[in-house]
Protein backbone atom coordinates (compact mmCIF):
# COMPACT_ATOMS: atom_id res chain seq x y z
CA UNK A 1 24.85 23.55 -32.57
CA UNK A 2 23.67 20.10 -34.48
CA UNK A 3 26.36 17.59 -33.06
CA UNK A 4 25.43 19.24 -29.30
CA UNK A 5 22.21 18.81 -29.98
CA UNK A 6 21.72 14.72 -30.74
CA UNK A 7 24.71 13.97 -27.99
CA UNK A 8 22.47 15.66 -25.80
CA UNK A 9 19.30 13.72 -27.30
CA UNK A 10 21.43 10.33 -27.22
CA UNK A 11 22.45 11.34 -23.62
CA UNK A 12 18.70 10.98 -22.17
CA UNK A 13 17.89 8.43 -24.21
CA UNK A 14 20.01 6.44 -22.34
CA UNK A 15 19.34 7.83 -18.99
CA UNK A 16 15.28 6.90 -19.67
CA UNK A 17 16.22 3.21 -20.68
CA UNK A 18 18.76 3.10 -17.62
CA UNK A 19 16.38 4.79 -15.52
CA UNK A 20 13.45 2.78 -16.79
CA UNK A 21 15.13 -1.34 -17.19
CA UNK A 22 16.45 -0.23 -13.24
CA UNK A 23 12.51 -0.04 -12.41
CA UNK A 24 11.84 -3.83 -14.04
CA UNK A 25 14.54 -4.73 -11.83
CA UNK A 26 13.31 -3.79 -9.09
CA UNK A 27 9.80 -4.82 -9.72
CA UNK A 28 11.63 -8.22 -10.59
CA UNK A 29 13.23 -8.73 -7.26
CA UNK A 30 9.80 -9.14 -5.60
CA UNK A 31 8.69 -11.72 -7.83
CA UNK A 32 9.24 -15.65 -6.87
CA UNK A 33 8.42 -18.21 -9.37
CA UNK A 34 5.91 -21.31 -8.74
CA UNK A 35 4.03 -23.75 -10.33
CA UNK A 36 -0.09 -23.16 -9.81
CA UNK A 37 -3.34 -24.17 -11.70
CA UNK A 38 -5.96 -22.50 -13.42
CA UNK A 39 -8.40 -24.61 -11.23
CA UNK A 40 -11.67 -23.89 -13.93
CA UNK A 41 -13.22 -26.66 -11.37
CA UNK A 42 -14.37 -23.91 -9.32
CA UNK A 43 -17.69 -22.43 -9.81
CA UNK A 44 -18.88 -18.64 -8.50
CA UNK A 45 -22.54 -17.92 -7.26
CA UNK A 46 -22.81 -13.99 -6.29
CA UNK A 47 -26.12 -13.74 -4.62
CA UNK A 48 -27.75 -16.13 -4.53
CA UNK A 49 -26.92 -15.77 -9.11
CA UNK A 50 -24.44 -18.03 -11.02
CA UNK A 51 -21.37 -15.84 -11.84
CA UNK A 52 -18.49 -16.26 -14.39
CA UNK A 53 -16.05 -13.99 -13.16
CA UNK A 54 -13.88 -12.51 -16.57
CA UNK A 55 -10.95 -9.51 -17.09
CA UNK A 56 -11.57 -5.97 -19.09
CA UNK A 57 -11.80 -7.53 -22.30
CA UNK A 58 -14.08 -10.31 -21.42
CA UNK A 59 -12.04 -13.73 -21.20
CA UNK A 60 -12.67 -15.84 -18.65
CA UNK A 61 -10.81 -15.97 -16.19
CA UNK A 62 -9.66 -19.08 -13.57
CA UNK A 63 -8.69 -18.87 -9.76
CA UNK A 64 -5.58 -20.25 -9.01
CA UNK A 65 -4.83 -22.93 -6.73
CA UNK A 66 -1.44 -23.00 -5.37
CA UNK A 67 -0.29 -25.54 -2.06
CA UNK A 68 -3.96 -26.07 -1.06
CA UNK A 69 -5.10 -22.47 -1.89
CA UNK A 70 -7.41 -21.19 -3.80
CA UNK A 71 -6.33 -17.71 -4.94
CA UNK A 72 -9.78 -15.50 -6.53
CA UNK A 73 -9.39 -13.11 -9.31
CA UNK A 74 -10.02 -9.43 -7.20
CA UNK A 75 -10.58 -7.29 -9.54
CA UNK A 76 -13.46 -9.51 -11.12
CA UNK A 77 -14.53 -10.32 -8.05
CA UNK A 78 -14.66 -6.84 -6.46
CA UNK A 79 -17.37 -5.87 -9.86
CA UNK A 80 -19.51 -8.81 -8.81
CA UNK A 81 -19.78 -7.68 -5.75
CA UNK A 82 -20.25 -3.66 -6.71
CA UNK A 83 -17.34 -2.81 -4.71
CA UNK A 84 -14.43 -0.32 -5.94
CA UNK A 85 -10.88 -1.50 -6.13
CA UNK A 86 -7.58 0.15 -7.03
CA UNK A 87 -4.10 -0.52 -7.12
CA UNK A 88 -1.52 1.85 -5.32
CA UNK A 89 2.06 1.00 -7.25
CA UNK A 90 3.44 3.35 -4.83
CA UNK A 91 2.77 1.35 -1.96
CA UNK A 92 2.28 -1.78 -4.51
CA UNK A 93 -0.96 -2.19 -2.74
CA UNK A 94 -4.76 -3.87 -3.92
CA UNK A 95 -6.85 -1.76 -2.34
CA UNK A 96 -10.71 -3.09 -1.80
CA UNK A 97 -13.17 -0.72 -1.34
CA UNK A 98 -12.39 2.99 -0.28
CA UNK A 99 -9.36 3.96 0.62
CA UNK A 100 -8.19 6.10 3.39
CA UNK A 101 -5.37 8.18 4.50
CA UNK A 102 -5.41 7.04 7.83
CA UNK A 103 -8.41 4.28 9.19
CA UNK A 104 -6.97 3.85 12.82
CA UNK A 105 -7.20 8.04 13.20
CA UNK A 106 -9.71 8.31 15.66
CA UNK A 107 -11.62 12.42 16.63
CA UNK A 108 -11.60 13.60 19.81
CA UNK A 109 -15.47 14.69 20.92
CA UNK A 110 -16.03 17.13 23.07
CA UNK A 111 -19.85 18.27 24.70
CA UNK A 112 -21.44 20.52 26.42
CA UNK A 113 -22.73 20.01 29.88
CA UNK A 114 -26.40 19.80 28.88
CA UNK A 115 -25.16 17.31 26.25
CA UNK A 116 -23.55 15.38 29.22
CA UNK A 117 -26.63 15.68 31.42
CA UNK A 118 -28.72 14.21 29.14
CA UNK A 119 -26.25 11.64 28.73
CA UNK A 120 -26.40 10.89 32.04
CA UNK A 121 -30.26 10.53 32.01
CA UNK A 122 -30.23 7.69 29.94
CA UNK A 123 -27.14 5.92 30.87
CA UNK A 124 -27.48 2.41 33.15
CA UNK A 125 -24.79 4.09 35.65
CA UNK A 126 -25.62 4.76 38.95
CA UNK A 127 -25.47 7.96 41.03
CA UNK A 128 -22.46 7.29 42.13
CA UNK A 129 -20.93 5.95 38.62
CA UNK A 130 -21.98 9.61 37.27
CA UNK A 131 -20.67 11.86 39.31
CA UNK A 132 -17.36 9.91 38.95
CA UNK A 133 -18.12 10.03 35.79
CA UNK A 134 -18.42 14.27 35.46
C-alpha cells in the first residue's frame, strides 16, 4: 500500500513539473531578446505636478528607450492618472481602464409613437423627410 502511494505521489509530482515546465516554455517562445536603455533623462509631469513613477515596492522606475521609441511603465502611469490597470493572463492582454465584455455590441432602442413624434417635432428635417422616416 505504501509503495503504491509513493508511486502515485511521485507520478503526480513528475506530471505537475512537466505541465508547469511546458507553460514556461510557451511563455518563453513569446519573448524576444532586445537591447534597450533605461532613460533616466525623461521626467514626468501629471496634471501640472512633477511625478516620479515607482513600482509596488517604492523603487523608482525609468522609461525604456528602444528603436527611437519610449516605453512607459504602464502600472505606474495608470496609478498616477487614477485609471485601473489589470492583466488578463489568458489573453496576454494589459487592460487600462474598465474592461468590457464586448465593446462593439450595440443595443437596439425602440421608441413609442409618442416618443417618435416628440423627436421629429424637435428635429431639423423637412416635413417630407419626416414622412419618409416614419
